[in-house]
Protein backbone atom coordinates (compact mmCIF):
# COMPACT_ATOMS: atom_id res chain seq x y z
CA UNK A 1 2.98 17.46 -7.74
CA UNK A 2 1.38 20.46 -6.01
CA UNK A 3 -1.00 21.14 -8.90
CA UNK A 4 -1.97 17.44 -9.13
CA UNK A 5 -2.72 17.25 -5.40
CA UNK A 6 -4.86 20.38 -5.60
CA UNK A 7 -6.75 18.98 -8.58
CA UNK A 8 -7.35 15.61 -6.90
CA UNK A 9 -8.44 17.28 -3.68
CA UNK A 10 -10.95 19.43 -5.56
CA UNK A 11 -12.28 16.44 -7.51
CA UNK A 12 -12.74 14.29 -4.40
CA UNK A 13 -14.45 17.16 -2.52
CA UNK A 14 -17.05 17.42 -5.29
CA UNK A 15 -17.32 13.61 -5.45
CA UNK A 16 -18.08 13.49 -1.72
CA UNK A 17 -20.97 15.91 -2.10
CA UNK A 18 -22.33 14.00 -5.11
CA UNK A 19 -22.13 10.69 -3.22
CA UNK A 20 -24.04 12.28 -0.35
CA UNK A 21 -26.87 13.30 -2.72
CA UNK A 22 -26.85 9.85 -4.38
CA UNK A 23 -27.15 8.09 -1.04
CA UNK A 24 -29.96 10.31 0.20
CA UNK A 25 -32.11 10.40 -2.95
CA UNK A 26 -31.10 7.69 -5.42
CA UNK A 27 -30.64 4.51 -3.37
CA UNK A 28 -34.24 3.60 -2.48
CA UNK A 29 -33.52 0.03 -1.33
CA UNK A 30 -30.99 0.93 1.37
CA UNK A 31 -33.44 0.98 4.33
CA UNK A 32 -31.79 4.16 5.54
CA UNK A 33 -32.17 5.20 9.16
CA UNK A 34 -32.02 8.72 10.53
CA UNK A 35 -28.67 7.93 12.17
CA UNK A 36 -27.40 6.46 8.90
CA UNK A 37 -28.42 9.53 6.92
CA UNK A 38 -26.79 11.88 9.41
CA UNK A 39 -23.64 9.76 9.52
CA UNK A 40 -23.38 9.51 5.72
CA UNK A 41 -23.90 13.25 5.27
CA UNK A 42 -21.47 13.95 8.09
CA UNK A 43 -18.80 11.67 6.63
CA UNK A 44 -19.12 13.06 3.11
CA UNK A 45 -19.25 16.71 4.20
CA UNK A 46 -16.28 16.28 6.55
CA UNK A 47 -14.19 14.60 3.86
CA UNK A 48 -15.17 17.34 1.42
CA UNK A 49 -14.16 20.00 3.97
CA UNK A 50 -10.82 18.26 4.58
CA UNK A 51 -10.07 18.09 0.87
CA UNK A 52 -11.02 21.73 0.34
CA UNK A 53 -8.73 22.60 3.25
CA UNK A 54 -5.93 20.62 1.56
CA UNK A 55 -6.50 22.43 -1.72
CA UNK A 56 -6.49 25.86 -0.08
CA UNK A 57 -3.62 24.95 2.20
CA UNK A 58 -1.44 23.80 -0.68
CA UNK A 59 -2.32 26.84 -2.78
CA UNK A 60 -1.61 29.37 -0.02
CA UNK A 61 0.91 27.37 2.05
CA UNK A 62 -1.30 27.35 5.14
CA UNK A 63 -0.12 25.29 8.13
CA UNK A 64 -3.28 23.23 8.58
CA UNK A 65 -1.91 20.94 11.29
CA UNK A 66 -1.60 23.93 13.60
CA UNK A 67 -5.35 24.55 13.29
CA UNK A 68 -7.74 23.12 15.89
CA UNK A 69 -10.54 23.19 13.30
CA UNK A 70 -8.54 21.03 10.86
CA UNK A 71 -7.61 18.35 13.42
CA UNK A 72 -11.22 18.33 14.66
CA UNK A 73 -12.26 17.42 11.10
CA UNK A 74 -9.70 14.59 11.16
CA UNK A 75 -11.26 13.30 14.38
CA UNK A 76 -14.78 13.47 12.93
CA UNK A 77 -13.95 11.09 10.04
CA UNK A 78 -13.64 7.82 12.02
CA UNK A 79 -16.67 8.66 14.17
CA UNK A 80 -18.89 9.32 11.14
CA UNK A 81 -17.46 6.25 9.38
CA UNK A 82 -18.34 4.04 12.36
CA UNK A 83 -21.94 5.25 12.60
CA UNK A 84 -22.50 4.98 8.84
CA UNK A 85 -21.04 1.46 8.69
CA UNK A 86 -23.10 0.45 11.71
CA UNK A 87 -26.29 1.73 10.09
CA UNK A 88 -25.49 -0.25 6.94
CA UNK A 89 -24.74 -3.55 8.65
CA UNK A 90 -27.13 -3.29 11.61
CA UNK A 91 -29.85 -0.96 10.37
CA UNK A 92 -32.56 -2.61 12.47
CA UNK A 93 -30.62 -2.14 15.73
CA UNK A 94 -31.87 0.79 17.77
CA UNK A 95 -29.36 3.41 18.95
CA UNK A 96 -27.87 2.59 22.35
CA UNK A 97 -26.49 4.79 25.12
CA UNK A 98 -23.17 3.00 24.68
CA UNK A 99 -22.89 4.62 21.25
CA UNK A 100 -22.10 7.87 23.04
CA UNK A 101 -18.66 6.45 23.89
CA UNK A 102 -17.81 6.70 20.21
CA UNK A 103 -18.06 10.47 20.50
CA UNK A 104 -15.16 10.59 22.97
CA UNK A 105 -12.60 11.23 20.17
CA UNK A 106 -14.36 14.52 19.45
CA UNK A 107 -13.93 15.54 23.09
CA UNK A 108 -10.27 14.51 22.93
CA UNK A 109 -9.83 16.57 19.77
CA UNK A 110 -10.99 19.62 21.72
CA UNK A 111 -8.87 18.96 24.80
CA UNK A 112 -5.65 17.28 23.65
CA UNK A 113 -2.72 19.22 22.23
CA UNK A 114 -3.31 19.83 18.53
CA UNK A 115 -0.23 17.80 17.55
CA UNK A 116 -1.63 14.66 19.22
CA UNK A 117 -5.03 14.61 17.53
CA UNK A 118 -4.04 13.26 14.05
CA UNK A 119 -2.45 10.14 15.53
CA UNK A 120 -5.50 9.54 17.74
CA UNK A 121 -7.85 10.03 14.78
CA UNK A 122 -5.91 7.76 12.40
CA UNK A 123 -5.44 5.06 15.05
CA UNK A 124 -9.17 5.04 15.74
CA UNK A 125 -9.92 4.99 12.00
CA UNK A 126 -7.67 1.95 11.60
CA UNK A 127 -9.42 0.12 14.44
CA UNK A 128 -12.90 0.92 13.08
CA UNK A 129 -11.95 -0.12 9.55
CA UNK A 130 -10.48 -3.40 10.78
CA UNK A 131 -13.66 -4.07 12.77
CA UNK A 132 -15.95 -3.31 9.82
CA UNK A 133 -13.76 -5.31 7.42
CA UNK A 134 -14.12 -8.36 9.68
CA UNK A 135 -17.89 -7.93 9.62
CA UNK A 136 -17.87 -7.65 5.81
CA UNK A 137 -15.71 -10.77 5.47
CA UNK A 138 -18.29 -12.68 7.51
CA UNK A 139 -20.79 -11.98 4.71
CA UNK A 140 -18.70 -13.61 1.97
CA UNK A 141 -20.96 -16.66 1.63
CA UNK A 142 -23.90 -14.36 0.82
CA UNK A 143 -22.20 -11.97 -1.60
CA UNK A 144 -22.31 -12.82 -5.30
CA UNK A 145 -19.23 -10.81 -6.29
CA UNK A 146 -17.17 -11.39 -3.19
CA UNK A 147 -13.86 -11.31 -5.08
CA UNK A 148 -14.62 -7.78 -6.21
CA UNK A 149 -15.95 -6.72 -2.84
CA UNK A 150 -12.89 -8.17 -1.10
CA UNK A 151 -10.68 -6.21 -3.48
CA UNK A 152 -12.74 -3.04 -2.97
CA UNK A 153 -12.67 -3.17 0.83
CA UNK A 154 -9.06 -4.40 0.79
CA UNK A 155 -7.92 -1.28 -1.07
CA UNK A 156 -10.01 0.84 1.26
CA UNK A 157 -8.33 -0.84 4.24
CA UNK A 158 -4.91 -0.20 2.67
CA UNK A 159 -5.74 3.51 2.56
CA UNK A 160 -6.43 3.51 6.30
CA UNK A 161 -3.09 1.78 6.96
CA UNK A 162 -1.32 4.47 4.94
CA UNK A 163 -3.20 7.15 6.90
CA UNK A 164 -2.14 5.50 10.18
CA UNK A 165 1.49 5.40 9.02
CA UNK A 166 1.26 9.08 8.10
CA UNK A 167 0.00 9.85 11.61
CA UNK A 168 2.81 7.82 13.19
CA UNK A 169 5.44 9.47 11.00
CA UNK A 170 4.21 13.05 11.41
CA UNK A 171 7.08 14.03 13.76
CA UNK A 172 9.58 12.84 11.14
CA UNK A 173 8.10 14.02 7.84
CA UNK A 174 7.41 17.43 6.43
CA UNK A 175 3.87 18.69 6.86
CA UNK A 176 3.66 19.48 3.13
CA UNK A 177 4.35 15.81 2.37
CA UNK A 178 1.59 14.85 4.81
CA UNK A 179 -0.93 17.10 3.05
CA UNK A 180 -0.01 15.68 -0.37
CA UNK A 181 -0.14 12.08 0.85
CA UNK A 182 -3.35 12.35 2.87
CA UNK A 183 -5.13 14.28 0.13
CA UNK A 184 -4.03 11.53 -2.26
CA UNK A 185 -5.37 8.78 0.01
CA UNK A 186 -8.78 10.42 0.28
CA UNK A 187 -8.83 11.04 -3.49
CA UNK A 188 -8.00 7.41 -4.26
CA UNK A 189 -10.70 6.25 -1.84
CA UNK A 190 -13.28 8.49 -3.54
CA UNK A 191 -12.25 7.34 -7.03
CA UNK A 192 -12.58 3.77 -5.80
CA UNK A 193 -16.05 4.36 -4.36
CA UNK A 194 -17.32 6.19 -7.46
CA UNK A 195 -15.90 3.54 -9.81
CA UNK A 196 -17.36 0.71 -7.75
CA UNK A 197 -20.83 2.27 -7.65
CA UNK A 198 -20.76 3.00 -11.38
CA UNK A 199 -19.69 -0.56 -12.20
CA UNK A 200 -21.98 -2.20 -9.63
CA UNK A 201 -24.75 0.20 -8.54
CA UNK A 202 -26.17 -2.42 -6.18
CA UNK A 203 -22.94 -2.95 -4.26
CA UNK A 204 -24.17 -1.34 -1.04
CA UNK A 205 -27.60 -2.94 -1.41
CA UNK A 206 -25.99 -6.37 -1.72
CA UNK A 207 -23.95 -5.77 1.42
CA UNK A 208 -27.10 -4.58 3.23
CA UNK A 209 -29.12 -7.64 2.21
CA UNK A 210 -26.30 -10.02 3.09
CA UNK A 211 -25.97 -8.37 6.50
CA UNK A 212 -29.68 -8.94 7.10
CA UNK A 213 -29.17 -12.68 6.66
CA UNK A 214 -26.13 -12.84 8.93
CA UNK A 215 -26.80 -10.19 11.57
CA UNK A 216 -30.46 -9.15 11.55
CA UNK A 217 -33.32 -10.86 13.31
CA UNK A 218 -35.43 -12.88 10.89
CA UNK A 219 -38.89 -11.53 10.12
CA UNK A 220 -40.00 -14.80 8.51
CA UNK A 221 -40.64 -16.82 11.67
CA UNK A 222 -44.07 -18.43 11.56
CA UNK A 223 -44.40 -18.06 7.78
CA UNK A 224 -44.46 -20.89 5.26
CA UNK A 225 -41.48 -19.63 3.28
CA UNK A 226 -41.51 -22.57 0.87
CA UNK A 227 -45.11 -21.87 -0.13
CA UNK A 228 -44.46 -18.14 -0.37
CA UNK A 229 -41.43 -18.77 -2.57
CA UNK A 230 -43.43 -21.02 -4.88
CA UNK A 231 -46.26 -18.47 -5.03
CA UNK A 232 -43.79 -15.72 -5.95
CA UNK A 233 -42.24 -17.86 -8.67
CA UNK A 234 -45.72 -18.60 -10.00
CA UNK A 235 -46.51 -14.88 -10.14
CA UNK A 236 -43.38 -14.32 -12.19
CA UNK A 237 -43.36 -17.33 -14.48
CA UNK A 238 -47.05 -18.00 -15.02
CA UNK A 239 -48.68 -14.62 -14.47
CA UNK A 240 -45.74 -12.64 -16.00
CA UNK A 241 -45.90 -10.25 -13.04
CA UNK A 242 -42.59 -8.78 -14.17
CA UNK A 243 -44.29 -7.21 -17.22
CA UNK A 244 -45.66 -4.46 -14.97
CA UNK A 245 -43.07 -1.69 -15.38
CA UNK A 246 -44.25 -0.18 -12.08
CA UNK A 247 -43.78 -3.40 -10.14
CA UNK A 248 -42.38 -2.66 -6.68
CA UNK A 249 -41.54 -4.68 -3.61
CA UNK A 250 -44.54 -3.09 -1.87
CA UNK A 251 -46.90 -4.19 -4.65
CA UNK A 252 -45.54 -7.74 -4.74
CA UNK A 253 -45.59 -8.04 -0.94
CA UNK A 254 -49.23 -6.96 -0.87
CA UNK A 255 -50.04 -9.68 -3.41
CA UNK A 256 -48.39 -12.26 -1.15
CA UNK A 257 -49.95 -10.89 2.02
CA UNK A 258 -46.65 -10.06 3.74
CA UNK A 259 -44.63 -6.92 4.44
CA UNK A 260 -42.00 -5.46 2.15
CA UNK A 261 -39.23 -6.32 4.65
CA UNK A 262 -40.45 -9.91 4.82
CA UNK A 263 -40.48 -10.19 1.03
CA UNK A 264 -36.99 -8.72 0.84
CA UNK A 265 -35.69 -11.32 3.29
CA UNK A 266 -37.61 -14.11 1.55
CA UNK A 267 -36.10 -13.32 -1.86
CA UNK A 268 -32.65 -12.92 -0.37
CA UNK A 269 -32.69 -16.18 1.59
CA UNK A 270 -34.39 -18.37 -1.04
CA UNK A 271 -32.91 -16.95 -4.23
CA UNK A 272 -29.77 -15.16 -3.03
CA UNK A 273 -30.82 -11.94 -4.77
CA UNK A 274 -32.20 -8.53 -3.95
CA UNK A 275 -35.81 -8.05 -5.04
CA UNK A 276 -34.95 -5.64 -7.91
CA UNK A 277 -32.32 -8.05 -9.23
CA UNK A 278 -34.75 -10.98 -8.88
CA UNK A 279 -37.33 -9.15 -10.99
CA UNK A 280 -34.69 -8.04 -13.48
CA UNK A 281 -33.49 -11.60 -14.03
CA UNK A 282 -37.03 -12.75 -14.81
CA UNK A 283 -37.38 -9.88 -17.27
CA UNK A 284 -34.09 -10.73 -18.95
CA UNK A 285 -35.01 -14.42 -19.27
CA UNK A 286 -38.33 -13.44 -20.86
CA UNK A 287 -36.55 -10.98 -23.17
CA UNK A 288 -34.08 -13.67 -24.28
CA UNK A 289 -36.97 -15.95 -25.24
CA UNK A 290 -38.75 -13.18 -27.15
CA UNK A 291 -35.58 -12.09 -28.99
CA UNK A 292 -35.28 -15.57 -30.46
CA UNK A 293 -38.98 -16.41 -30.86
CA UNK A 294 -39.80 -13.09 -32.59
CA UNK A 295 -36.71 -12.15 -34.64
CA UNK A 296 -38.59 -9.42 -36.52
CA UNK A 297 -39.65 -7.60 -33.34
CA UNK A 298 -37.45 -4.64 -32.49
CA UNK A 299 -35.15 -4.82 -29.49
CA UNK A 300 -36.91 -1.80 -27.96
CA UNK A 301 -40.31 -3.47 -28.27
CA UNK A 302 -38.98 -6.61 -26.61
CA UNK A 303 -37.57 -4.58 -23.73
CA UNK A 304 -40.76 -2.61 -23.18
CA UNK A 305 -42.93 -5.73 -23.35
CA UNK A 306 -40.92 -7.38 -20.57
CA UNK A 307 -41.31 -4.56 -18.09
CA UNK A 308 -38.38 -2.23 -18.76
CA UNK A 309 -39.24 1.45 -18.83
CA UNK A 310 -36.69 2.50 -21.44
CA UNK A 311 -34.23 1.18 -23.99
CA UNK A 312 -31.27 2.33 -21.91
CA UNK A 313 -32.42 0.47 -18.77
CA UNK A 314 -33.07 -2.66 -20.87
CA UNK A 315 -29.65 -2.54 -22.51
CA UNK A 316 -27.86 -1.93 -19.19
CA UNK A 317 -29.67 -4.77 -17.40
CA UNK A 318 -29.29 -7.19 -20.32
CA UNK A 319 -25.56 -6.53 -20.59
CA UNK A 320 -25.12 -6.90 -16.83
CA UNK A 321 -26.80 -10.32 -16.80
CA UNK A 322 -25.55 -11.76 -20.11
CA UNK A 323 -22.42 -9.77 -20.88
CA UNK A 324 -23.87 -8.89 -24.32
CA UNK A 325 -26.21 -6.36 -25.84
CA UNK A 326 -29.67 -7.70 -26.79
CA UNK A 327 -28.88 -7.32 -30.51
CA UNK A 328 -25.59 -9.16 -30.19
CA UNK A 329 -27.24 -11.96 -28.20
CA UNK A 330 -29.98 -12.36 -30.83
CA UNK A 331 -27.51 -12.36 -33.72
CA UNK A 332 -25.20 -14.89 -32.10
CA UNK A 333 -28.00 -17.20 -30.92
CA UNK A 334 -29.82 -17.21 -34.30
CA UNK A 335 -26.57 -17.85 -36.17
CA UNK A 336 -25.68 -20.85 -34.00
């Protein structure tokens, strides 16, 4: 049990740091704000520090709950989680002076008796998670995989309930049990996040785009969205705009005479897709036609001719949309 907890704590600490790098440098469509970047880095680094503390504490039998530094880390988690979630759902809302009230838990963590801080931190984390979960549930009509997302956030919410119960039961349970259980909760949450992002890399982008429809102010007022939508479809279907492997939302928006944010909202509201997924679907539809119309053309050539930069990106996108590899789709369709 001890060795497993140490291993999981070490794994999740590394996973936190990797997720921080992924968010900062490999999620270009997230419309990240300065506050969001700071909050994400803060959340991931704090969780990594907590898990490293758990690993060291379990290895050397250190009484972490007696440490002001450890409980301060516990108090930082809900604060960073709130600001990151807020930046994801309301990224176009400017910081407000009232946001400073959310820093009060950090002051309490410095002033309250050390034994009180975990319960305060976990109670606040539960309240924040419940609040964010309600906001996510309000997006369900605009999320394509809501069953998965409900499961994902449901499990995440369950972890916060367990953390709250641990805080409530601290006077009655051994501290070693607390370290094992809390390290396990964080590890499960990290495994869940990593698995979700590997299975659905656009999960956070989908939530962001859905939140723009529900919560953000529209940037399309005064525009003829019907005409713009038809023009965009014409660019894709008639001009094969998708064949440009360097096609970006900025390039397409310039062609339509609107901003990138306006095009993002247009595609989301009219087609229910993010711009990258919209382009990818057009590429896949064109690839499906070519696979059947030119059976002697290699799969790689088909992928490259429809705008994909590599065989791997073509295979991944094709399987995501159709559930099959391009070769399997061609074989099955031609045999029918």
